[in-house]
Amino acid sequence: VTDLASTFTAGTAAALVGFDMTKEAGRQVFEQAGLGIDD
Protein backbone atom coordinates (compact mmCIF):
# COMPACT_ATOMS: atom_id res chain seq x y z
CA VAL A 1 0.00 0.00 0.00
CA THR A 2 1.39 3.39 -1.00
CA ASP A 3 0.46 6.78 0.41
CA LEU A 4 -3.24 7.56 0.66
CA ALA A 5 -4.71 11.04 0.45
CA SER A 6 -5.06 10.90 4.24
CA THR A 7 -1.27 10.95 4.58
CA PHE A 8 -1.54 14.70 4.02
CA THR A 9 -5.15 15.46 4.90
CA ALA A 10 -5.22 13.82 8.35
CA GLY A 11 -3.03 16.57 9.79
CA THR A 12 -1.09 14.18 12.02
CA ALA A 13 2.55 13.20 12.33
CA ALA A 14 1.48 9.55 12.54
CA ALA A 15 -0.15 9.69 9.11
CA LEU A 16 2.94 11.33 7.62
CA VAL A 17 5.14 8.43 8.78
CA GLY A 18 2.86 5.77 7.34
CA PHE A 19 0.20 4.92 9.92
CA ASP A 20 -2.62 4.87 7.37
CA MET A 21 -0.57 2.87 4.85
CA THR A 22 0.11 0.22 7.47
CA LYS A 23 -3.49 0.13 8.65
CA GLU A 24 -4.81 -0.38 5.11
CA ALA A 25 -2.15 -2.97 4.26
CA GLY A 26 -3.01 -4.93 7.39
CA ARG A 27 -6.72 -4.80 6.57
CA GLN A 28 -6.15 -6.19 3.09
CA VAL A 29 -3.83 -8.97 4.25
CA PHE A 30 -6.10 -10.09 7.10
CA GLU A 31 -8.96 -10.38 4.61
CA GLN A 32 -6.83 -12.28 2.08
CA ALA A 33 -5.57 -14.68 4.73
CA GLY A 34 -8.87 -15.11 6.55
CA LEU A 35 -7.05 -14.36 9.79
CA GLY A 36 -7.25 -11.73 12.50
CA ILE A 37 -4.41 -10.24 14.50
CA ASP A 38 -5.08 -12.64 17.39
CA ASP A 39 -4.43 -15.61 15.08
PDB file of all heavy atoms in Angstrom:
ATOM      1  N   VAL A   1       0.861  -1.187   0.000  1.00  0.00           N
ATOM      2  CA  VAL A   1       0.000   0.000   0.000  1.00  0.00           C
ATOM      3  C   VAL A   1       0.894   1.233   0.000  1.00  0.00           C
ATOM      4  O   VAL A   1       1.806   1.346   0.830  1.00  0.00           O
ATOM      5  CB  VAL A   1      -0.942   0.022   1.218  1.00  0.00           C
ATOM      6  CG1 VAL A   1      -1.676   1.363   1.322  1.00  0.00           C
ATOM      7  CG2 VAL A   1      -1.959  -1.115   1.128  1.00  0.00           C
ATOM      8  N   THR A   2       0.655   2.133  -0.942  1.00  0.00           N
ATOM      9  CA  THR A   2       1.394   3.388  -0.998  1.00  0.00           C
ATOM     10  C   THR A   2       0.570   4.488  -0.328  1.00  0.00           C
ATOM     11  O   THR A   2      -0.524   4.253   0.180  1.00  0.00           O
ATOM     12  CB  THR A   2       1.732   3.747  -2.454  1.00  0.00           C
ATOM     13  OG1 THR A   2       0.522   3.767  -3.223  1.00  0.00           O
ATOM     14  CG2 THR A   2       2.684   2.718  -3.055  1.00  0.00           C
ATOM     15  N   ASP A   3       1.107   5.693  -0.315  1.00  0.00           N
ATOM     16  CA  ASP A   3       0.457   6.780   0.413  1.00  0.00           C
ATOM     17  C   ASP A   3      -0.973   7.010  -0.056  1.00  0.00           C
ATOM     18  O   ASP A   3      -1.270   7.007  -1.259  1.00  0.00           O
ATOM     19  CB  ASP A   3       1.254   8.070   0.248  1.00  0.00           C
ATOM     20  CG  ASP A   3       2.442   8.139   1.179  1.00  0.00           C
ATOM     21  OD1 ASP A   3       2.235   8.147   2.407  1.00  0.00           O
ATOM     22  OD2 ASP A   3       3.588   8.179   0.685  1.00  0.00           O
ATOM     23  N   LEU A   4      -1.846   7.214   0.900  1.00  0.00           N
ATOM     24  CA  LEU A   4      -3.237   7.565   0.661  1.00  0.00           C
ATOM     25  C   LEU A   4      -3.382   9.078   0.801  1.00  0.00           C
ATOM     26  O   LEU A   4      -2.512   9.758   1.361  1.00  0.00           O
ATOM     27  CB  LEU A   4      -4.125   6.851   1.675  1.00  0.00           C
ATOM     28  CG  LEU A   4      -3.940   5.318   1.727  1.00  0.00           C
ATOM     29  CD1 LEU A   4      -4.468   4.758   3.026  1.00  0.00           C
ATOM     30  CD2 LEU A   4      -4.634   4.680   0.541  1.00  0.00           C
ATOM     31  N   ALA A   5      -4.483   9.600   0.310  1.00  0.00           N
ATOM     32  CA  ALA A   5      -4.712  11.039   0.449  1.00  0.00           C
ATOM     33  C   ALA A   5      -4.636  11.475   1.907  1.00  0.00           C
ATOM     34  O   ALA A   5      -4.171  12.572   2.232  1.00  0.00           O
ATOM     35  CB  ALA A   5      -6.068  11.409  -0.154  1.00  0.00           C
ATOM     36  N   SER A   6      -5.041  10.571   2.809  1.00  0.00           N
ATOM     37  CA  SER A   6      -5.057  10.901   4.239  1.00  0.00           C
ATOM     38  C   SER A   6      -3.671  11.134   4.816  1.00  0.00           C
ATOM     39  O   SER A   6      -3.538  11.732   5.890  1.00  0.00           O
ATOM     40  CB  SER A   6      -5.766   9.799   5.019  1.00  0.00           C
ATOM     41  OG  SER A   6      -5.115   8.554   4.832  1.00  0.00           O
ATOM     42  N   THR A   7      -2.626  10.662   4.127  1.00  0.00           N
ATOM     43  CA  THR A   7      -1.266  10.955   4.582  1.00  0.00           C
ATOM     44  C   THR A   7      -1.115  12.448   4.825  1.00  0.00           C
ATOM     45  O   THR A   7      -0.503  12.870   5.815  1.00  0.00           O
ATOM     46  CB  THR A   7      -0.231  10.487   3.545  1.00  0.00           C
ATOM     47  OG1 THR A   7      -0.312   9.062   3.401  1.00  0.00           O
ATOM     48  CG2 THR A   7       1.187  10.864   3.969  1.00  0.00           C
ATOM     49  N   PHE A   8      -1.686  13.245   3.928  1.00  0.00           N
ATOM     50  CA  PHE A   8      -1.540  14.697   4.017  1.00  0.00           C
ATOM     51  C   PHE A   8      -2.779  15.405   4.559  1.00  0.00           C
ATOM     52  O   PHE A   8      -2.670  16.506   5.094  1.00  0.00           O
ATOM     53  CB  PHE A   8      -1.173  15.260   2.640  1.00  0.00           C
ATOM     54  CG  PHE A   8       0.151  14.757   2.135  1.00  0.00           C
ATOM     55  CD1 PHE A   8       0.208  13.741   1.187  1.00  0.00           C
ATOM     56  CD2 PHE A   8       1.343  15.264   2.630  1.00  0.00           C
ATOM     57  CE1 PHE A   8       1.426  13.264   0.734  1.00  0.00           C
ATOM     58  CE2 PHE A   8       2.567  14.798   2.185  1.00  0.00           C
ATOM     59  CZ  PHE A   8       2.616  13.788   1.238  1.00  0.00           C
ATOM     60  N   THR A   9      -3.935  14.776   4.442  1.00  0.00           N
ATOM     61  CA  THR A   9      -5.152  15.463   4.899  1.00  0.00           C
ATOM     62  C   THR A   9      -5.463  15.206   6.369  1.00  0.00           C
ATOM     63  O   THR A   9      -6.213  15.973   6.977  1.00  0.00           O
ATOM     64  CB  THR A   9      -6.370  15.046   4.055  1.00  0.00           C
ATOM     65  OG1 THR A   9      -6.582  13.631   4.186  1.00  0.00           O
ATOM     66  CG2 THR A   9      -6.155  15.409   2.588  1.00  0.00           C
ATOM     67  N   ALA A  10      -4.901  14.149   6.957  1.00  0.00           N
ATOM     68  CA  ALA A  10      -5.222  13.825   8.347  1.00  0.00           C
ATOM     69  C   ALA A  10      -4.683  14.865   9.316  1.00  0.00           C
ATOM     70  O   ALA A  10      -5.213  15.049  10.416  1.00  0.00           O
ATOM     71  CB  ALA A  10      -4.671  12.447   8.711  1.00  0.00           C
ATOM     72  N   GLY A  11      -3.601  15.544   8.928  1.00  0.00           N
ATOM     73  CA  GLY A  11      -3.034  16.571   9.792  1.00  0.00           C
ATOM     74  C   GLY A  11      -2.322  16.019  11.004  1.00  0.00           C
ATOM     75  O   GLY A  11      -2.249  16.691  12.040  1.00  0.00           O
ATOM     76  N   THR A  12      -1.791  14.790  10.891  1.00  0.00           N
ATOM     77  CA  THR A  12      -1.092  14.182  12.017  1.00  0.00           C
ATOM     78  C   THR A  12       0.304  13.727  11.604  1.00  0.00           C
ATOM     79  O   THR A  12       0.541  13.361  10.442  1.00  0.00           O
ATOM     80  CB  THR A  12      -1.846  12.958  12.570  1.00  0.00           C
ATOM     81  OG1 THR A  12      -1.838  11.904  11.593  1.00  0.00           O
ATOM     82  CG2 THR A  12      -3.281  13.321  12.932  1.00  0.00           C
ATOM     83  N   ALA A  13       1.206  13.718  12.568  1.00  0.00           N
ATOM     84  CA  ALA A  13       2.551  13.198  12.327  1.00  0.00           C
ATOM     85  C   ALA A  13       2.495  11.704  12.044  1.00  0.00           C
ATOM     86  O   ALA A  13       3.253  11.184  11.222  1.00  0.00           O
ATOM     87  CB  ALA A  13       3.439  13.484  13.531  1.00  0.00           C
ATOM     88  N   ALA A  14       1.595  10.994  12.730  1.00  0.00           N
ATOM     89  CA  ALA A  14       1.483   9.547  12.538  1.00  0.00           C
ATOM     90  C   ALA A  14       1.159   9.218  11.089  1.00  0.00           C
ATOM     91  O   ALA A  14       1.750   8.308  10.485  1.00  0.00           O
ATOM     92  CB  ALA A  14       0.421   8.971  13.469  1.00  0.00           C
ATOM     93  N   ALA A  15       0.211   9.946  10.501  1.00  0.00           N
ATOM     94  CA  ALA A  15      -0.150   9.694   9.105  1.00  0.00           C
ATOM     95  C   ALA A  15       1.024   9.954   8.180  1.00  0.00           C
ATOM     96  O   ALA A  15       1.235   9.227   7.201  1.00  0.00           O
ATOM     97  CB  ALA A  15      -1.347  10.553   8.707  1.00  0.00           C
ATOM     98  N   LEU A  16       1.816  10.969   8.483  1.00  0.00           N
ATOM     99  CA  LEU A  16       2.942  11.332   7.624  1.00  0.00           C
ATOM    100  C   LEU A  16       4.076  10.310   7.673  1.00  0.00           C
ATOM    101  O   LEU A  16       4.913  10.273   6.768  1.00  0.00           O
ATOM    102  CB  LEU A  16       3.457  12.723   7.996  1.00  0.00           C
ATOM    103  CG  LEU A  16       2.520  13.875   7.596  1.00  0.00           C
ATOM    104  CD1 LEU A  16       2.884  15.156   8.327  1.00  0.00           C
ATOM    105  CD2 LEU A  16       2.557  14.091   6.085  1.00  0.00           C
ATOM    106  N   VAL A  17       4.112   9.485   8.720  1.00  0.00           N
ATOM    107  CA  VAL A  17       5.135   8.431   8.777  1.00  0.00           C
ATOM    108  C   VAL A  17       4.534   7.045   8.504  1.00  0.00           C
ATOM    109  O   VAL A  17       5.134   6.035   8.831  1.00  0.00           O
ATOM    110  CB  VAL A  17       5.921   8.435  10.109  1.00  0.00           C
ATOM    111  CG1 VAL A  17       6.695   9.740  10.262  1.00  0.00           C
ATOM    112  CG2 VAL A  17       5.016   8.183  11.305  1.00  0.00           C
ATOM    113  N   GLY A  18       3.349   7.026   7.892  1.00  0.00           N
ATOM    114  CA  GLY A  18       2.864   5.774   7.344  1.00  0.00           C
ATOM    115  C   GLY A  18       1.797   5.034   8.098  1.00  0.00           C
ATOM    116  O   GLY A  18       1.470   3.897   7.740  1.00  0.00           O
ATOM    117  N   PHE A  19       1.203   5.633   9.119  1.00  0.00           N
ATOM    118  CA  PHE A  19       0.200   4.922   9.919  1.00  0.00           C
ATOM    119  C   PHE A  19      -0.946   4.405   9.055  1.00  0.00           C
ATOM    120  O   PHE A  19      -1.347   3.239   9.156  1.00  0.00           O
ATOM    121  CB  PHE A  19      -0.344   5.845  11.012  1.00  0.00           C
ATOM    122  CG  PHE A  19      -1.284   5.183  11.982  1.00  0.00           C
ATOM    123  CD1 PHE A  19      -0.807   4.655  13.171  1.00  0.00           C
ATOM    124  CD2 PHE A  19      -2.648   5.081  11.714  1.00  0.00           C
ATOM    125  CE1 PHE A  19      -1.672   4.031  14.069  1.00  0.00           C
ATOM    126  CE2 PHE A  19      -3.515   4.460  12.607  1.00  0.00           C
ATOM    127  CZ  PHE A  19      -3.024   3.941  13.784  1.00  0.00           C
ATOM    128  N   ASP A  20      -1.462   5.262   8.179  1.00  0.00           N
ATOM    129  CA  ASP A  20      -2.621   4.865   7.374  1.00  0.00           C
ATOM    130  C   ASP A  20      -2.253   3.816   6.328  1.00  0.00           C
ATOM    131  O   ASP A  20      -3.057   2.924   6.021  1.00  0.00           O
ATOM    132  CB  ASP A  20      -3.238   6.091   6.709  1.00  0.00           C
ATOM    133  CG  ASP A  20      -3.878   7.050   7.715  1.00  0.00           C
ATOM    134  OD1 ASP A  20      -3.848   6.743   8.920  1.00  0.00           O
ATOM    135  OD2 ASP A  20      -4.397   8.098   7.295  1.00  0.00           O
ATOM    136  N   MET A  21      -1.034   3.906   5.783  1.00  0.00           N
ATOM    137  CA  MET A  21      -0.572   2.872   4.852  1.00  0.00           C
ATOM    138  C   MET A  21      -0.553   1.511   5.539  1.00  0.00           C
ATOM    139  O   MET A  21      -1.029   0.512   4.989  1.00  0.00           O
ATOM    140  CB  MET A  21       0.832   3.192   4.324  1.00  0.00           C
ATOM    141  CG  MET A  21       0.909   4.314   3.323  1.00  0.00           C
ATOM    142  SD  MET A  21       2.510   4.340   2.468  1.00  0.00           S
ATOM    143  CE  MET A  21       3.620   4.899   3.755  1.00  0.00           C
ATOM    144  N   THR A  22       0.022   1.477   6.725  1.00  0.00           N
ATOM    145  CA  THR A  22       0.114   0.218   7.466  1.00  0.00           C
ATOM    146  C   THR A  22      -1.260  -0.321   7.819  1.00  0.00           C
ATOM    147  O   THR A  22      -1.536  -1.519   7.676  1.00  0.00           O
ATOM    148  CB  THR A  22       0.952   0.418   8.738  1.00  0.00           C
ATOM    149  OG1 THR A  22       2.305   0.670   8.371  1.00  0.00           O
ATOM    150  CG2 THR A  22       0.891  -0.800   9.650  1.00  0.00           C
ATOM    151  N   LYS A  23      -2.147   0.563   8.267  1.00  0.00           N
ATOM    152  CA  LYS A  23      -3.493   0.131   8.648  1.00  0.00           C
ATOM    153  C   LYS A  23      -4.221  -0.495   7.470  1.00  0.00           C
ATOM    154  O   LYS A  23      -4.842  -1.562   7.586  1.00  0.00           O
ATOM    155  CB  LYS A  23      -4.276   1.315   9.203  1.00  0.00           C
ATOM    156  CG  LYS A  23      -5.649   0.957   9.760  1.00  0.00           C
ATOM    157  CD  LYS A  23      -6.299   2.174  10.418  1.00  0.00           C
ATOM    158  CE  LYS A  23      -7.648   1.804  11.024  1.00  0.00           C
ATOM    159  NZ  LYS A  23      -8.268   2.982  11.701  1.00  0.00           N
ATOM    160  N   GLU A  24      -4.141   0.143   6.295  1.00  0.00           N
ATOM    161  CA  GLU A  24      -4.814  -0.379   5.109  1.00  0.00           C
ATOM    162  C   GLU A  24      -4.160  -1.670   4.627  1.00  0.00           C
ATOM    163  O   GLU A  24      -4.849  -2.617   4.219  1.00  0.00           O
ATOM    164  CB  GLU A  24      -4.806   0.676   3.998  1.00  0.00           C
ATOM    165  CG  GLU A  24      -5.350   0.201   2.658  1.00  0.00           C
ATOM    166  CD  GLU A  24      -6.798  -0.262   2.708  1.00  0.00           C
ATOM    167  OE1 GLU A  24      -7.531   0.111   3.653  1.00  0.00           O
ATOM    168  OE2 GLU A  24      -7.212  -1.009   1.797  1.00  0.00           O
ATOM    169  N   ALA A  25      -2.840  -1.738   4.674  1.00  0.00           N
ATOM    170  CA  ALA A  25      -2.146  -2.966   4.261  1.00  0.00           C
ATOM    171  C   ALA A  25      -2.532  -4.126   5.167  1.00  0.00           C
ATOM    172  O   ALA A  25      -2.788  -5.246   4.693  1.00  0.00           O
ATOM    173  CB  ALA A  25      -0.645  -2.751   4.271  1.00  0.00           C
ATOM    174  N   GLY A  26      -2.592  -3.883   6.461  1.00  0.00           N
ATOM    175  CA  GLY A  26      -3.006  -4.925   7.387  1.00  0.00           C
ATOM    176  C   GLY A  26      -4.426  -5.390   7.109  1.00  0.00           C
ATOM    177  O   GLY A  26      -4.711  -6.593   7.096  1.00  0.00           O
ATOM    178  N   ARG A  27      -5.328  -4.445   6.862  1.00  0.00           N
ATOM    179  CA  ARG A  27      -6.719  -4.804   6.570  1.00  0.00           C
ATOM    180  C   ARG A  27      -6.806  -5.721   5.361  1.00  0.00           C
ATOM    181  O   ARG A  27      -7.512  -6.741   5.387  1.00  0.00           O
ATOM    182  CB  ARG A  27      -7.534  -3.531   6.322  1.00  0.00           C
ATOM    183  CG  ARG A  27      -9.017  -3.790   6.083  1.00  0.00           C
ATOM    184  CD  ARG A  27      -9.732  -2.538   5.600  1.00  0.00           C
ATOM    185  NE  ARG A  27      -9.364  -2.174   4.246  1.00  0.00           N
ATOM    186  CZ  ARG A  27      -9.851  -2.755   3.147  1.00  0.00           C
ATOM    187  NH1 ARG A  27     -10.721  -3.744   3.253  1.00  0.00           N
ATOM    188  NH2 ARG A  27      -9.464  -2.353   1.953  1.00  0.00           N
ATOM    189  N   GLN A  28      -6.094  -5.374   4.301  1.00  0.00           N
ATOM    190  CA  GLN A  28      -6.145  -6.188   3.088  1.00  0.00           C
ATOM    191  C   GLN A  28      -5.583  -7.592   3.330  1.00  0.00           C
ATOM    192  O   GLN A  28      -6.162  -8.586   2.885  1.00  0.00           O
ATOM    193  CB  GLN A  28      -5.363  -5.503   1.964  1.00  0.00           C
ATOM    194  CG  GLN A  28      -6.012  -4.244   1.434  1.00  0.00           C
ATOM    195  CD  GLN A  28      -5.263  -3.668   0.243  1.00  0.00           C
ATOM    196  OE1 GLN A  28      -4.627  -4.388  -0.515  1.00  0.00           O
ATOM    197  NE2 GLN A  28      -5.322  -2.354   0.075  1.00  0.00           N
ATOM    198  N   VAL A  29      -4.474  -7.669   4.039  1.00  0.00           N
ATOM    199  CA  VAL A  29      -3.834  -8.973   4.253  1.00  0.00           C
ATOM    200  C   VAL A  29      -4.665  -9.854   5.171  1.00  0.00           C
ATOM    201  O   VAL A  29      -4.794 -11.067   4.941  1.00  0.00           O
ATOM    202  CB  VAL A  29      -2.396  -8.785   4.790  1.00  0.00           C
ATOM    203  CG1 VAL A  29      -1.834 -10.091   5.351  1.00  0.00           C
ATOM    204  CG2 VAL A  29      -1.503  -8.265   3.673  1.00  0.00           C
ATOM    205  N   PHE A  30      -5.249  -9.292   6.213  1.00  0.00           N
ATOM    206  CA  PHE A  30      -6.097 -10.093   7.096  1.00  0.00           C
ATOM    207  C   PHE A  30      -7.276 -10.671   6.317  1.00  0.00           C
ATOM    208  O   PHE A  30      -7.670 -11.817   6.519  1.00  0.00           O
ATOM    209  CB  PHE A  30      -6.600  -9.258   8.274  1.00  0.00           C
ATOM    210  CG  PHE A  30      -5.509  -8.767   9.194  1.00  0.00           C
ATOM    211  CD1 PHE A  30      -5.640  -7.555   9.860  1.00  0.00           C
ATOM    212  CD2 PHE A  30      -4.354  -9.499   9.390  1.00  0.00           C
ATOM    213  CE1 PHE A  30      -4.646  -7.090  10.703  1.00  0.00           C
ATOM    214  CE2 PHE A  30      -3.345  -9.041  10.227  1.00  0.00           C
ATOM    215  CZ  PHE A  30      -3.493  -7.834  10.879  1.00  0.00           C
ATOM    216  N   GLU A  31      -7.841  -9.885   5.412  1.00  0.00           N
ATOM    217  CA  GLU A  31      -8.958 -10.381   4.614  1.00  0.00           C
ATOM    218  C   GLU A  31      -8.501 -11.463   3.638  1.00  0.00           C
ATOM    219  O   GLU A  31      -9.171 -12.485   3.472  1.00  0.00           O
ATOM    220  CB  GLU A  31      -9.640  -9.238   3.859  1.00  0.00           C
ATOM    221  CG  GLU A  31     -10.831  -9.705   3.053  1.00  0.00           C
ATOM    222  CD  GLU A  31     -11.890  -8.639   2.853  1.00  0.00           C
ATOM    223  OE1 GLU A  31     -11.857  -7.613   3.562  1.00  0.00           O
ATOM    224  OE2 GLU A  31     -12.762  -8.838   1.993  1.00  0.00           O
ATOM    225  N   GLN A  32      -7.361 -11.262   2.995  1.00  0.00           N
ATOM    226  CA  GLN A  32      -6.833 -12.282   2.081  1.00  0.00           C
ATOM    227  C   GLN A  32      -6.578 -13.598   2.808  1.00  0.00           C
ATOM    228  O   GLN A  32      -6.879 -14.678   2.294  1.00  0.00           O
ATOM    229  CB  GLN A  32      -5.522 -11.801   1.454  1.00  0.00           C
ATOM    230  CG  GLN A  32      -5.637 -10.664   0.469  1.00  0.00           C
ATOM    231  CD  GLN A  32      -4.276 -10.119   0.078  1.00  0.00           C
ATOM    232  OE1 GLN A  32      -3.245 -10.765   0.276  1.00  0.00           O
ATOM    233  NE2 GLN A  32      -4.252  -8.926  -0.478  1.00  0.00           N
ATOM    234  N   ALA A  33      -5.981 -13.499   3.990  1.00  0.00           N
ATOM    235  CA  ALA A  33      -5.568 -14.684   4.732  1.00  0.00           C
ATOM    236  C   ALA A  33      -6.710 -15.337   5.498  1.00  0.00           C
ATOM    237  O   ALA A  33      -6.591 -16.498   5.920  1.00  0.00           O
ATOM    238  CB  ALA A  33      -4.436 -14.325   5.700  1.00  0.00           C
ATOM    239  N   GLY A  34      -7.797 -14.602   5.711  1.00  0.00           N
ATOM    240  CA  GLY A  34      -8.872 -15.111   6.550  1.00  0.00           C
ATOM    241  C   GLY A  34      -8.465 -15.219   8.006  1.00  0.00           C
ATOM    242  O   GLY A  34      -8.954 -16.081   8.741  1.00  0.00           O
ATOM    243  N   LEU A  35      -7.571 -14.338   8.432  1.00  0.00           N
ATOM    244  CA  LEU A  35      -7.047 -14.358   9.792  1.00  0.00           C
ATOM    245  C   LEU A  35      -7.206 -12.980  10.420  1.00  0.00           C
ATOM    246  O   LEU A  35      -7.251 -11.963   9.729  1.00  0.00           O
ATOM    247  CB  LEU A  35      -5.554 -14.733   9.791  1.00  0.00           C
ATOM    248  CG  LEU A  35      -5.167 -16.102   9.221  1.00  0.00           C
ATOM    249  CD1 LEU A  35      -3.656 -16.211   9.096  1.00  0.00           C
ATOM    250  CD2 LEU A  35      -5.715 -17.226  10.100  1.00  0.00           C
ATOM    251  N   GLY A  36      -7.275 -12.970  11.750  1.00  0.00           N
ATOM    252  CA  GLY A  36      -7.252 -11.729  12.499  1.00  0.00           C
ATOM    253  C   GLY A  36      -5.952 -11.615  13.260  1.00  0.00           C
ATOM    254  O   GLY A  36      -5.178 -12.578  13.350  1.00  0.00           O
ATOM    255  N   ILE A  37      -5.693 -10.461  13.835  1.00  0.00           N
ATOM    256  CA  ILE A  37      -4.409 -10.242  14.498  1.00  0.00           C
ATOM    257  C   ILE A  37      -4.177 -11.239  15.641  1.00  0.00           C
ATOM    258  O   ILE A  37      -3.046 -11.637  15.908  1.00  0.00           O
ATOM    259  CB  ILE A  37      -4.290  -8.780  14.996  1.00  0.00           C
ATOM    260  CG1 ILE A  37      -2.849  -8.473  15.410  1.00  0.00           C
ATOM    261  CG2 ILE A  37      -5.277  -8.496  16.118  1.00  0.00           C
ATOM    262  CD1 ILE A  37      -1.847  -8.539  14.295  1.00  0.00           C
ATOM    263  N   ASP A  38      -5.241 -11.696  16.286  1.00  0.00           N
ATOM    264  CA  ASP A  38      -5.079 -12.643  17.386  1.00  0.00           C
ATOM    265  C   ASP A  38      -4.743 -14.054  16.922  1.00  0.00           C
ATOM    266  O   ASP A  38      -4.429 -14.920  17.746  1.00  0.00           O
ATOM    267  CB  ASP A  38      -6.350 -12.675  18.246  1.00  0.00           C
ATOM    268  CG  ASP A  38      -6.520 -11.413  19.069  1.00  0.00           C
ATOM    269  OD1 ASP A  38      -5.511 -10.880  19.550  1.00  0.00           O
ATOM    270  OD2 ASP A  38      -7.671 -10.942  19.209  1.00  0.00           O
ATOM    271  N   ASP A  39      -4.802 -14.296  15.620  1.00  0.00           N
ATOM    272  CA  ASP A  39      -4.435 -15.608  15.084  1.00  0.00           C
ATOM    273  C   ASP A  39      -2.935 -15.759  14.878  1.00  0.00           C
ATOM    274  O   ASP A  39      -2.455 -16.857  14.589  1.00  0.00           O
ATOM    275  CB  ASP A  39      -5.146 -15.857  13.750  1.00  0.00           C
ATOM    276  CG  ASP A  39      -6.650 -15.962  13.915  1.00  0.00           C
ATOM    277  OD1 ASP A  39      -7.094 -16.666  14.857  1.00  0.00           O
ATOM    278  OD2 ASP A  39      -7.387 -15.339  13.124  1.00  0.00           O
TER     279      ASP A  39
END
